[in-house]
């Protein structure tokens, strides 16, 4: 199933996300990124597919976790 999104003067047709699709929105930029779980290249920072790793893959240079469902574990090396 497809969904139409209007941006400016154009309309884009977007396929509905698949079962393995992950979508993250970074605020305050309002930048939403979508990727397939298990297929995001690892950028050598944080854990694979962590918020930091996702941010680096999409050119977001700093993040601050404002709220979430679980505490963020302490940083680990290597």
Foldseek 3Di string as FASTA:
>chain_A
DWDWDDDDPDIDIGRDDDPQKDWDAAPPVRDIDIDGPPPQDAPPDDDPPDPVRVCVSVVNDDHDDPDDDDDDDDDDDD
